[in-house]
Amino acid sequence: MSKKKQNEAVEAAEETAEAVQEAAQEAQPEEKDEKQEKINELEEQLKASEEKFLRLAAEYDNYRKRTANEKLSLYDDATAKAVKELIPVADSVEMALNSLKDVDPEILKGVQMISNQLDKSFEKLKIERFGKKGDSFDPNLHNAVGMVDSDEVESDKIAAVFQTGYKIGDKIIRHAMVQVAN
């Protein structure tokens, strides 16, 4: 029910109540009591209807918000599942770039283009990489596979990255496998 219709209903009820009150004033005392009871009863029914309408509107709003959140969650879950299958390809391309130092520049350029395409695809899907050397160690995001003494990196910072981590929003797709400095 729209606010306009609700306001019209309230106004109509108020007009009816006023008319009944005027008629009651003109009538004898016994009739006044009966009419006043009827007016009170109608006012209570109006209040009950208003409360029911407000509850229904609030319930619908909560339902709409809940279903919107569920849709986003389903999208993130499906995206994470698909990306999980592509992560080994991204790892292979990254390893290829790291090992192709003394090769034909055209080959290196081609592998870099593939890497850039993967990065752009991940960006479009809102997939974030994490776990870089020098970042603070967070046990919720990183799997520490070892500790090392390092002059290059401060204590409790990542000294080496063995596998990059991936996440979508707050959902972790794969934890980063790192080595932490003492």
N, C-alpha and C. Protein backbone atom coordinates (compact mmCIF):
# COMPACT_ATOMS: atom_id res chain seq x y z
N MET A 1 0.86 -1.16 0.00
CA MET A 1 0.00 0.00 0.00
C MET A 1 0.90 1.23 0.00
N SER A 2 0.64 2.18 -0.90
CA SER A 2 1.49 3.37 -0.99
C SER A 2 1.17 4.32 0.15
N LYS A 3 2.09 5.24 0.39
CA LYS A 3 1.90 6.23 1.45
C LYS A 3 0.67 7.08 1.16
N LYS A 4 0.44 7.40 -0.14
CA LYS A 4 -0.69 8.22 -0.51
C LYS A 4 -2.00 7.53 -0.13
N LYS A 5 -2.11 6.25 -0.48
CA LYS A 5 -3.32 5.50 -0.14
C LYS A 5 -3.47 5.37 1.37
N GLN A 6 -2.34 5.20 2.03
CA GLN A 6 -2.39 5.06 3.48
C GLN A 6 -2.86 6.38 4.10
N ASN A 7 -2.34 7.50 3.61
CA ASN A 7 -2.76 8.80 4.13
C ASN A 7 -4.24 9.04 3.85
N GLU A 8 -4.71 8.66 2.66
CA GLU A 8 -6.12 8.82 2.32
C GLU A 8 -6.99 7.99 3.26
N ALA A 9 -6.55 6.78 3.56
CA ALA A 9 -7.30 5.91 4.46
C ALA A 9 -7.35 6.52 5.86
N VAL A 10 -6.24 7.08 6.30
CA VAL A 10 -6.18 7.71 7.62
C VAL A 10 -7.12 8.92 7.65
N GLU A 11 -7.08 9.74 6.60
CA GLU A 11 -7.96 10.91 6.54
C GLU A 11 -9.43 10.51 6.54
N ALA A 12 -9.76 9.48 5.76
CA ALA A 12 -11.14 9.01 5.70
C ALA A 12 -11.59 8.52 7.07
N ALA A 13 -10.73 7.81 7.76
CA ALA A 13 -11.06 7.30 9.09
C ALA A 13 -11.25 8.46 10.06
N GLU A 14 -10.40 9.48 9.96
CA GLU A 14 -10.53 10.64 10.84
C GLU A 14 -11.83 11.39 10.57
N GLU A 15 -12.17 11.56 9.28
CA GLU A 15 -13.42 12.23 8.93
C GLU A 15 -14.62 11.45 9.47
N THR A 16 -14.56 10.13 9.32
CA THR A 16 -15.63 9.28 9.82
C THR A 16 -15.73 9.42 11.33
N ALA A 17 -14.60 9.44 11.98
CA ALA A 17 -14.58 9.57 13.44
C ALA A 17 -15.17 10.91 13.86
N GLU A 18 -14.84 11.99 13.14
CA GLU A 18 -15.38 13.31 13.47
C GLU A 18 -16.90 13.33 13.28
N ALA A 19 -17.37 12.75 12.18
CA ALA A 19 -18.80 12.73 11.91
C ALA A 19 -19.54 11.94 12.99
N VAL A 20 -18.96 10.84 13.39
CA VAL A 20 -19.58 10.03 14.43
C VAL A 20 -19.61 10.79 15.75
N GLN A 21 -18.54 11.54 16.04
CA GLN A 21 -18.50 12.31 17.28
C GLN A 21 -19.56 13.41 17.29
N GLU A 22 -19.72 14.08 16.14
CA GLU A 22 -20.74 15.13 16.05
C GLU A 22 -22.13 14.54 16.27
N ALA A 23 -22.39 13.40 15.61
CA ALA A 23 -23.70 12.77 15.77
C ALA A 23 -23.90 12.32 17.21
N ALA A 24 -22.83 11.89 17.83
CA ALA A 24 -22.93 11.42 19.20
C ALA A 24 -23.24 12.57 20.16
N GLN A 25 -22.71 13.74 19.87
CA GLN A 25 -22.97 14.89 20.73
C GLN A 25 -24.44 15.30 20.67
N GLU A 26 -25.05 15.12 19.51
CA GLU A 26 -26.44 15.49 19.35
C GLU A 26 -27.38 14.45 19.95
N ALA A 27 -26.95 13.23 20.05
CA ALA A 27 -27.80 12.14 20.53
C ALA A 27 -27.89 12.16 22.05
N GLN A 28 -28.72 11.27 22.58
CA GLN A 28 -28.91 11.16 24.02
C GLN A 28 -27.70 10.49 24.64
N PRO A 29 -27.52 10.61 25.96
CA PRO A 29 -26.34 10.08 26.65
C PRO A 29 -26.08 8.59 26.40
N GLU A 30 -27.11 7.74 26.34
CA GLU A 30 -26.89 6.31 26.11
C GLU A 30 -26.33 6.07 24.71
N GLU A 31 -26.87 6.79 23.75
CA GLU A 31 -26.38 6.64 22.38
C GLU A 31 -24.95 7.15 22.26
N LYS A 32 -24.62 8.20 23.03
CA LYS A 32 -23.26 8.74 23.01
C LYS A 32 -22.25 7.68 23.44
N ASP A 33 -22.56 6.93 24.48
CA ASP A 33 -21.65 5.89 24.97
C ASP A 33 -21.44 4.81 23.92
N GLU A 34 -22.53 4.38 23.28
CA GLU A 34 -22.42 3.33 22.25
C GLU A 34 -21.60 3.83 21.06
N LYS A 35 -21.87 5.04 20.66
CA LYS A 35 -21.14 5.59 19.52
C LYS A 35 -19.66 5.83 19.85
N GLN A 36 -19.40 6.26 21.07
CA GLN A 36 -18.01 6.47 21.49
C GLN A 36 -17.26 5.14 21.51
N GLU A 37 -17.93 4.08 21.95
CA GLU A 37 -17.32 2.75 21.93
C GLU A 37 -17.00 2.34 20.50
N LYS A 38 -17.93 2.61 19.60
CA LYS A 38 -17.72 2.26 18.19
C LYS A 38 -16.55 3.06 17.61
N ILE A 39 -16.47 4.33 17.97
CA ILE A 39 -15.36 5.18 17.51
C ILE A 39 -14.04 4.64 18.04
N ASN A 40 -13.98 4.30 19.30
CA ASN A 40 -12.76 3.75 19.89
C ASN A 40 -12.35 2.45 19.21
N GLU A 41 -13.36 1.62 18.90
CA GLU A 41 -13.09 0.35 18.23
C GLU A 41 -12.50 0.59 16.83
N LEU A 42 -13.08 1.54 16.10
CA LEU A 42 -12.58 1.86 14.76
C LEU A 42 -11.17 2.44 14.80
N GLU A 43 -10.91 3.27 15.79
CA GLU A 43 -9.56 3.84 15.94
C GLU A 43 -8.53 2.75 16.24
N GLU A 44 -8.90 1.78 17.06
CA GLU A 44 -8.00 0.66 17.36
C GLU A 44 -7.73 -0.18 16.12
N GLN A 45 -8.79 -0.40 15.32
CA GLN A 45 -8.61 -1.15 14.07
C GLN A 45 -7.68 -0.41 13.12
N LEU A 46 -7.81 0.90 13.05
CA LEU A 46 -6.94 1.71 12.19
C LEU A 46 -5.49 1.61 12.65
N LYS A 47 -5.26 1.72 13.94
CA LYS A 47 -3.90 1.62 14.48
C LYS A 47 -3.31 0.23 14.18
N ALA A 48 -4.11 -0.80 14.34
CA ALA A 48 -3.65 -2.16 14.07
C ALA A 48 -3.28 -2.32 12.60
N SER A 49 -4.09 -1.75 11.71
CA SER A 49 -3.81 -1.83 10.28
C SER A 49 -2.52 -1.09 9.93
N GLU A 50 -2.32 0.08 10.54
CA GLU A 50 -1.09 0.84 10.31
C GLU A 50 0.14 0.05 10.75
N GLU A 51 0.07 -0.55 11.93
CA GLU A 51 1.19 -1.35 12.44
C GLU A 51 1.48 -2.54 11.53
N LYS A 52 0.42 -3.18 11.07
CA LYS A 52 0.58 -4.32 10.18
C LYS A 52 1.25 -3.89 8.89
N PHE A 53 0.84 -2.76 8.34
CA PHE A 53 1.44 -2.24 7.11
C PHE A 53 2.91 -1.93 7.32
N LEU A 54 3.26 -1.26 8.40
CA LEU A 54 4.66 -0.92 8.67
C LEU A 54 5.52 -2.17 8.83
N ARG A 55 5.01 -3.17 9.52
CA ARG A 55 5.76 -4.43 9.69
C ARG A 55 5.99 -5.11 8.35
N LEU A 56 4.95 -5.13 7.52
CA LEU A 56 5.06 -5.76 6.22
C LEU A 56 6.08 -5.03 5.34
N ALA A 57 6.08 -3.71 5.37
CA ALA A 57 7.04 -2.93 4.60
C ALA A 57 8.47 -3.20 5.07
N ALA A 58 8.68 -3.26 6.37
CA ALA A 58 10.01 -3.53 6.92
C ALA A 58 10.47 -4.95 6.58
N GLU A 59 9.55 -5.89 6.64
CA GLU A 59 9.86 -7.28 6.31
C GLU A 59 10.28 -7.40 4.84
N TYR A 60 9.57 -6.72 3.97
CA TYR A 60 9.91 -6.76 2.54
C TYR A 60 11.28 -6.13 2.29
N ASP A 61 11.57 -5.02 2.94
CA ASP A 61 12.86 -4.36 2.78
C ASP A 61 14.00 -5.28 3.23
N ASN A 62 13.82 -5.95 4.35
CA ASN A 62 14.83 -6.90 4.84
C ASN A 62 15.02 -8.05 3.86
N TYR A 63 13.93 -8.56 3.31
CA TYR A 63 14.00 -9.64 2.33
C TYR A 63 14.78 -9.20 1.09
N ARG A 64 14.50 -8.00 0.61
CA ARG A 64 15.18 -7.48 -0.58
C ARG A 64 16.68 -7.36 -0.34
N LYS A 65 17.08 -6.82 0.81
CA LYS A 65 18.50 -6.68 1.13
C LYS A 65 19.17 -8.04 1.27
N ARG A 66 18.50 -8.98 1.92
CA ARG A 66 19.07 -10.31 2.13
C ARG A 66 19.30 -11.03 0.80
N THR A 67 18.33 -10.96 -0.09
CA THR A 67 18.48 -11.64 -1.40
C THR A 67 19.56 -10.98 -2.24
N ALA A 68 19.71 -9.67 -2.15
CA ALA A 68 20.79 -8.97 -2.88
C ALA A 68 22.15 -9.44 -2.37
N ASN A 69 22.29 -9.57 -1.05
CA ASN A 69 23.56 -10.06 -0.48
C ASN A 69 23.84 -11.50 -0.89
N GLU A 70 22.80 -12.33 -0.94
CA GLU A 70 22.97 -13.73 -1.33
C GLU A 70 23.42 -13.83 -2.80
N LYS A 71 22.86 -12.97 -3.65
CA LYS A 71 23.27 -12.96 -5.06
C LYS A 71 24.76 -12.63 -5.19
N LEU A 72 25.20 -11.60 -4.47
CA LEU A 72 26.62 -11.23 -4.52
C LEU A 72 27.50 -12.37 -4.01
N SER A 73 27.06 -13.01 -2.96
CA SER A 73 27.83 -14.11 -2.39
C SER A 73 27.93 -15.27 -3.38
N LEU A 74 26.83 -15.58 -4.06
CA LEU A 74 26.85 -16.65 -5.06
C LEU A 74 27.79 -16.32 -6.20
N TYR A 75 27.78 -15.06 -6.63
CA TYR A 75 28.67 -14.63 -7.72
C TYR A 75 30.12 -14.79 -7.29
N ASP A 76 30.44 -14.32 -6.09
CA ASP A 76 31.82 -14.44 -5.60
C ASP A 76 32.25 -15.90 -5.49
N ASP A 77 31.36 -16.77 -5.01
CA ASP A 77 31.69 -18.19 -4.88
C ASP A 77 31.95 -18.83 -6.24
N ALA A 78 31.10 -18.52 -7.21
CA ALA A 78 31.27 -19.08 -8.56
C ALA A 78 32.55 -18.56 -9.21
N THR A 79 32.82 -17.28 -9.04
CA THR A 79 34.05 -16.69 -9.59
C THR A 79 35.27 -17.33 -8.94
N ALA A 80 35.24 -17.49 -7.63
CA ALA A 80 36.37 -18.09 -6.92
C ALA A 80 36.62 -19.52 -7.40
N LYS A 81 35.55 -20.26 -7.63
CA LYS A 81 35.70 -21.64 -8.09
C LYS A 81 36.33 -21.69 -9.48
N ALA A 82 35.91 -20.80 -10.37
CA ALA A 82 36.49 -20.76 -11.72
C ALA A 82 37.94 -20.31 -11.69
N VAL A 83 38.22 -19.29 -10.89
CA VAL A 83 39.59 -18.77 -10.83
C VAL A 83 40.54 -19.78 -10.21
N LYS A 84 40.03 -20.60 -9.30
CA LYS A 84 40.87 -21.63 -8.67
C LYS A 84 41.49 -22.55 -9.73
N GLU A 85 40.75 -22.77 -10.82
CA GLU A 85 41.26 -23.61 -11.91
C GLU A 85 42.29 -22.87 -12.76
N LEU A 86 42.26 -21.54 -12.78
CA LEU A 86 43.19 -20.76 -13.59
C LEU A 86 44.47 -20.38 -12.84
N ILE A 87 44.47 -20.49 -11.54
CA ILE A 87 45.63 -20.10 -10.74
C ILE A 87 46.89 -20.88 -11.13
N PRO A 88 46.82 -22.20 -11.37
CA PRO A 88 48.05 -22.90 -11.80
C PRO A 88 48.61 -22.35 -13.12
N VAL A 89 47.74 -21.89 -14.01
CA VAL A 89 48.21 -21.29 -15.26
C VAL A 89 48.95 -19.99 -14.95
N ALA A 90 48.39 -19.17 -14.06
CA ALA A 90 49.05 -17.92 -13.67
C ALA A 90 50.39 -18.20 -13.01
N ASP A 91 50.46 -19.26 -12.18
CA ASP A 91 51.73 -19.64 -11.56
C ASP A 91 52.76 -20.05 -12.61
N SER A 92 52.33 -20.82 -13.60
CA SER A 92 53.24 -21.27 -14.66
C SER A 92 53.77 -20.10 -15.47
N VAL A 93 52.90 -19.15 -15.77
CA VAL A 93 53.34 -17.96 -16.53
C VAL A 93 54.32 -17.16 -15.70
N GLU A 94 54.07 -17.02 -14.41
CA GLU A 94 54.98 -16.29 -13.53
C GLU A 94 56.34 -16.98 -13.44
N MET A 95 56.34 -18.31 -13.32
CA MET A 95 57.60 -19.06 -13.29
C MET A 95 58.34 -18.93 -14.62
N ALA A 96 57.61 -18.94 -15.72
CA ALA A 96 58.23 -18.78 -17.03
C ALA A 96 58.90 -17.42 -17.14
N LEU A 97 58.24 -16.38 -16.68
CA LEU A 97 58.84 -15.04 -16.73
C LEU A 97 60.11 -14.96 -15.88
N ASN A 98 60.08 -15.61 -14.72
CA ASN A 98 61.25 -15.59 -13.84
C ASN A 98 62.43 -16.39 -14.40
N SER A 99 62.15 -17.42 -15.21
CA SER A 99 63.24 -18.26 -15.70
C SER A 99 63.70 -17.88 -17.11
N LEU A 100 62.97 -17.03 -17.81
CA LEU A 100 63.34 -16.65 -19.18
C LEU A 100 64.17 -15.37 -19.17
N LYS A 101 65.39 -15.46 -18.71
CA LYS A 101 66.27 -14.28 -18.65
C LYS A 101 67.09 -14.13 -19.93
N ASP A 102 67.64 -15.21 -20.39
CA ASP A 102 68.56 -15.15 -21.54
C ASP A 102 67.95 -15.76 -22.80
N VAL A 103 66.71 -15.42 -23.10
CA VAL A 103 66.07 -15.96 -24.29
C VAL A 103 65.79 -14.84 -25.28
N ASP A 104 65.29 -15.24 -26.41
CA ASP A 104 64.93 -14.29 -27.46
C ASP A 104 63.94 -13.27 -26.88
N PRO A 105 64.20 -11.98 -27.09
CA PRO A 105 63.30 -10.94 -26.55
C PRO A 105 61.85 -11.08 -27.02
N GLU A 106 61.63 -11.63 -28.21
CA GLU A 106 60.27 -11.81 -28.72
C GLU A 106 59.51 -12.84 -27.89
N ILE A 107 60.20 -13.89 -27.47
CA ILE A 107 59.57 -14.91 -26.63
C ILE A 107 59.21 -14.32 -25.28
N LEU A 108 60.15 -13.58 -24.71
CA LEU A 108 59.91 -12.94 -23.42
C LEU A 108 58.74 -11.97 -23.52
N LYS A 109 58.68 -11.21 -24.60
CA LYS A 109 57.60 -10.26 -24.82
C LYS A 109 56.24 -10.99 -24.91
N GLY A 110 56.21 -12.12 -25.58
CA GLY A 110 54.98 -12.90 -25.70
C GLY A 110 54.49 -13.42 -24.36
N VAL A 111 55.40 -13.91 -23.52
CA VAL A 111 55.03 -14.42 -22.19
C VAL A 111 54.56 -13.26 -21.31
N GLN A 112 55.20 -12.09 -21.45
CA GLN A 112 54.77 -10.93 -20.68
C GLN A 112 53.36 -10.50 -21.10
N MET A 113 53.05 -10.60 -22.38
CA MET A 113 51.71 -10.25 -22.85
C MET A 113 50.66 -11.20 -22.27
N ILE A 114 51.00 -12.48 -22.22
CA ILE A 114 50.08 -13.46 -21.62
C ILE A 114 49.87 -13.13 -20.13
N SER A 115 50.95 -12.79 -19.45
CA SER A 115 50.86 -12.43 -18.03
C SER A 115 49.98 -11.20 -17.85
N ASN A 116 50.14 -10.20 -18.70
CA ASN A 116 49.32 -8.98 -18.62
C ASN A 116 47.85 -9.29 -18.87
N GLN A 117 47.57 -10.18 -19.82
CA GLN A 117 46.18 -10.56 -20.09
C GLN A 117 45.55 -11.25 -18.87
N LEU A 118 46.31 -12.13 -18.24
CA LEU A 118 45.80 -12.79 -17.03
C LEU A 118 45.53 -11.76 -15.93
N ASP A 119 46.46 -10.82 -15.76
CA ASP A 119 46.28 -9.79 -14.74
C ASP A 119 45.03 -8.95 -15.01
N LYS A 120 44.80 -8.57 -16.27
CA LYS A 120 43.61 -7.79 -16.62
C LYS A 120 42.33 -8.59 -16.39
N SER A 121 42.38 -9.87 -16.72
CA SER A 121 41.21 -10.73 -16.50
C SER A 121 40.90 -10.84 -15.01
N PHE A 122 41.93 -11.03 -14.20
CA PHE A 122 41.73 -11.10 -12.75
C PHE A 122 41.18 -9.77 -12.22
N GLU A 123 41.67 -8.67 -12.76
CA GLU A 123 41.21 -7.36 -12.33
C GLU A 123 39.73 -7.17 -12.66
N LYS A 124 39.31 -7.59 -13.85
CA LYS A 124 37.91 -7.47 -14.24
C LYS A 124 37.01 -8.31 -13.33
N LEU A 125 37.52 -9.45 -12.90
CA LEU A 125 36.76 -10.33 -12.01
C LEU A 125 36.89 -9.93 -10.54
N LYS A 126 37.63 -8.84 -10.27
CA LYS A 126 37.86 -8.31 -8.92
C LYS A 126 38.65 -9.30 -8.06
N ILE A 127 39.56 -10.01 -8.71
CA ILE A 127 40.46 -10.92 -8.01
C ILE A 127 41.73 -10.14 -7.66
N GLU A 128 42.12 -10.21 -6.40
CA GLU A 128 43.31 -9.51 -5.94
C GLU A 128 44.41 -10.50 -5.60
N ARG A 129 45.63 -10.15 -5.98
CA ARG A 129 46.81 -10.92 -5.57
C ARG A 129 47.35 -10.30 -4.29
N PHE A 130 47.90 -11.14 -3.44
CA PHE A 130 48.51 -10.62 -2.22
C PHE A 130 49.67 -11.51 -1.83
N GLY A 131 50.48 -11.01 -0.91
CA GLY A 131 51.64 -11.76 -0.43
C GLY A 131 52.90 -11.37 -1.17
N LYS A 132 53.29 -10.11 -1.02
CA LYS A 132 54.51 -9.63 -1.68
C LYS A 132 55.63 -9.51 -0.65
N LYS A 133 56.84 -9.58 -1.13
CA LYS A 133 58.00 -9.44 -0.26
C LYS A 133 57.95 -8.07 0.42
N GLY A 134 58.13 -8.06 1.74
CA GLY A 134 58.11 -6.82 2.51
C GLY A 134 56.78 -6.53 3.17
N ASP A 135 55.70 -7.23 2.76
CA ASP A 135 54.40 -7.05 3.40
C ASP A 135 54.44 -7.62 4.81
N SER A 136 53.55 -7.12 5.67
CA SER A 136 53.44 -7.66 7.03
C SER A 136 52.82 -9.06 6.96
N PHE A 137 53.32 -9.94 7.79
CA PHE A 137 52.80 -11.31 7.84
C PHE A 137 51.45 -11.32 8.56
N ASP A 138 50.45 -11.93 7.94
CA ASP A 138 49.13 -12.07 8.52
C ASP A 138 48.74 -13.55 8.41
N PRO A 139 48.63 -14.25 9.54
CA PRO A 139 48.32 -15.69 9.48
C PRO A 139 46.96 -16.00 8.85
N ASN A 140 46.07 -15.01 8.75
CA ASN A 140 44.79 -15.23 8.09
C ASN A 140 44.92 -15.24 6.57
N LEU A 141 45.99 -14.63 6.06
CA LEU A 141 46.20 -14.54 4.61
C LEU A 141 47.36 -15.39 4.11
N HIS A 142 48.34 -15.60 4.97
CA HIS A 142 49.58 -16.23 4.53
C HIS A 142 49.82 -17.55 5.26
N ASN A 143 50.39 -18.51 4.53
CA ASN A 143 50.89 -19.75 5.13
C ASN A 143 52.39 -19.61 5.25
N ALA A 144 52.89 -19.57 6.48
CA ALA A 144 54.33 -19.46 6.68
C ALA A 144 54.93 -20.85 6.61
N VAL A 145 55.85 -21.05 5.66
CA VAL A 145 56.48 -22.36 5.51
C VAL A 145 57.89 -22.36 6.09
N GLY A 146 58.30 -21.22 6.62
CA GLY A 146 59.62 -21.16 7.22
C GLY A 146 59.92 -19.76 7.73
N MET A 147 60.98 -19.71 8.55
CA MET A 147 61.43 -18.41 9.05
C MET A 147 62.90 -18.30 8.70
N VAL A 148 63.33 -17.07 8.45
CA VAL A 148 64.71 -16.85 8.03
C VAL A 148 65.21 -15.55 8.66
N ASP A 149 66.51 -15.51 8.96
CA ASP A 149 67.12 -14.26 9.42
C ASP A 149 67.45 -13.44 8.18
N SER A 150 67.02 -12.19 8.19
CA SER A 150 67.21 -11.36 7.01
C SER A 150 67.59 -9.94 7.40
N ASP A 151 68.57 -9.40 6.68
CA ASP A 151 68.95 -8.00 6.89
C ASP A 151 68.12 -7.09 5.98
N GLU A 152 67.56 -7.65 4.92
CA GLU A 152 66.80 -6.86 3.95
C GLU A 152 65.40 -6.50 4.45
N VAL A 153 64.81 -7.40 5.25
CA VAL A 153 63.41 -7.24 5.65
C VAL A 153 63.31 -7.22 7.18
N GLU A 154 62.40 -6.38 7.68
CA GLU A 154 62.17 -6.29 9.13
C GLU A 154 61.56 -7.57 9.67
N SER A 155 61.55 -7.68 10.99
CA SER A 155 60.96 -8.82 11.66
C SER A 155 59.45 -8.86 11.40
N ASP A 156 58.89 -10.07 11.28
CA ASP A 156 57.46 -10.31 11.00
C ASP A 156 57.00 -9.76 9.65
N LYS A 157 57.93 -9.62 8.74
CA LYS A 157 57.62 -9.22 7.37
C LYS A 157 57.93 -10.40 6.46
N ILE A 158 57.34 -10.41 5.29
CA ILE A 158 57.55 -11.50 4.34
C ILE A 158 58.92 -11.33 3.69
N ALA A 159 59.75 -12.37 3.81
CA ALA A 159 61.11 -12.33 3.24
C ALA A 159 61.13 -12.96 1.85
N ALA A 160 60.30 -13.96 1.60
CA ALA A 160 60.25 -14.61 0.29
C ALA A 160 58.83 -15.14 0.05
N VAL A 161 58.43 -15.14 -1.21
CA VAL A 161 57.10 -15.62 -1.60
C VAL A 161 57.28 -16.84 -2.49
N PHE A 162 56.70 -17.97 -2.07
CA PHE A 162 56.79 -19.19 -2.86
C PHE A 162 55.55 -19.36 -3.75
N GLN A 163 54.41 -18.91 -3.26
CA GLN A 163 53.17 -18.92 -4.04
C GLN A 163 52.38 -17.66 -3.70
N THR A 164 51.93 -16.97 -4.73
CA THR A 164 51.12 -15.78 -4.54
C THR A 164 49.73 -16.17 -4.05
N GLY A 165 49.17 -15.34 -3.19
CA GLY A 165 47.81 -15.57 -2.70
C GLY A 165 46.80 -14.84 -3.55
N TYR A 166 45.56 -15.34 -3.57
CA TYR A 166 44.48 -14.74 -4.34
C TYR A 166 43.24 -14.65 -3.48
N LYS A 167 42.49 -13.54 -3.65
CA LYS A 167 41.23 -13.39 -2.93
C LYS A 167 40.26 -12.57 -3.77
N ILE A 168 38.98 -12.75 -3.48
CA ILE A 168 37.92 -11.94 -4.08
C ILE A 168 37.13 -11.34 -2.92
N GLY A 169 37.20 -10.03 -2.79
CA GLY A 169 36.60 -9.37 -1.63
C GLY A 169 37.29 -9.86 -0.37
N ASP A 170 36.52 -10.40 0.57
CA ASP A 170 37.08 -10.94 1.80
C ASP A 170 37.28 -12.45 1.73
N LYS A 171 36.88 -13.06 0.64
CA LYS A 171 36.97 -14.51 0.48
C LYS A 171 38.35 -14.89 -0.07
N ILE A 172 39.05 -15.72 0.66
CA ILE A 172 40.38 -16.18 0.25
C ILE A 172 40.19 -17.34 -0.73
N ILE A 173 40.80 -17.21 -1.91
CA ILE A 173 40.77 -18.30 -2.89
C ILE A 173 41.95 -19.24 -2.63
N ARG A 174 43.13 -18.63 -2.43
CA ARG A 174 44.32 -19.42 -2.07
C ARG A 174 45.21 -18.56 -1.18
N HIS A 175 45.67 -19.14 -0.09
CA HIS A 175 46.58 -18.44 0.82
C HIS A 175 47.96 -18.32 0.16
N ALA A 176 48.66 -17.26 0.48
CA ALA A 176 50.03 -17.07 -0.03
C ALA A 176 50.97 -17.95 0.80
N MET A 177 51.88 -18.61 0.12
CA MET A 177 52.88 -19.45 0.80
C MET A 177 54.17 -18.62 0.88
N VAL A 178 54.58 -18.28 2.11
CA VAL A 178 55.66 -17.32 2.30
C VAL A 178 56.68 -17.80 3.32
N GLN A 179 57.81 -17.10 3.32
CA GLN A 179 58.84 -17.29 4.33
C GLN A 179 58.92 -15.97 5.08
N VAL A 180 58.94 -16.05 6.41
CA VAL A 180 58.86 -14.85 7.25
C VAL A 180 60.22 -14.56 7.88
N ALA A 181 60.53 -13.27 7.99
CA ALA A 181 61.79 -12.87 8.61
C ALA A 181 61.66 -12.88 10.12
N ASN A 182 62.75 -13.29 10.80
CA ASN A 182 62.80 -13.28 12.27
C ASN A 182 62.99 -11.86 12.78
